[in-house]
Amino acid sequence: MTEQRSPHTLGAALRRQAVLTLALLALAVIVAVGVLISAPLAARGAAALLGVLAVLRVVLPVRSIGALAVRSRGLDVAVMAVLAIGLAVLSTSPNL
């Protein structure tokens, strides 16, 4: 007899939202870098994270991407790409 796991446990929720969980962990590291080391470096890290998430939104199905699939695929990717580019440009601007 096989034992079925409950879909209502924390582990099941983390498996369903694996991409979001990893993105939040990466964001925590980026914030720590911003506080402890350098804000422009953290902004570049956040831009890179947004870029990676945009690519993942393009290639992964909605079931795999979880809560990051908010709107249509094209709009999600466009918003994340524009934010990533804007953050990357601003992180290289002096005196901001």
Foldseek 3Di string as FASTA:
>chain_A
DDDDDDCPDPVNVCQQQVVVVVLVVQLVVLVVCVVPPNVLVSLLSQLVSLQVLLVCLVPPDCRNNDPLCDDDNVVSSVVSNVSSVVSNVVSPDPPD
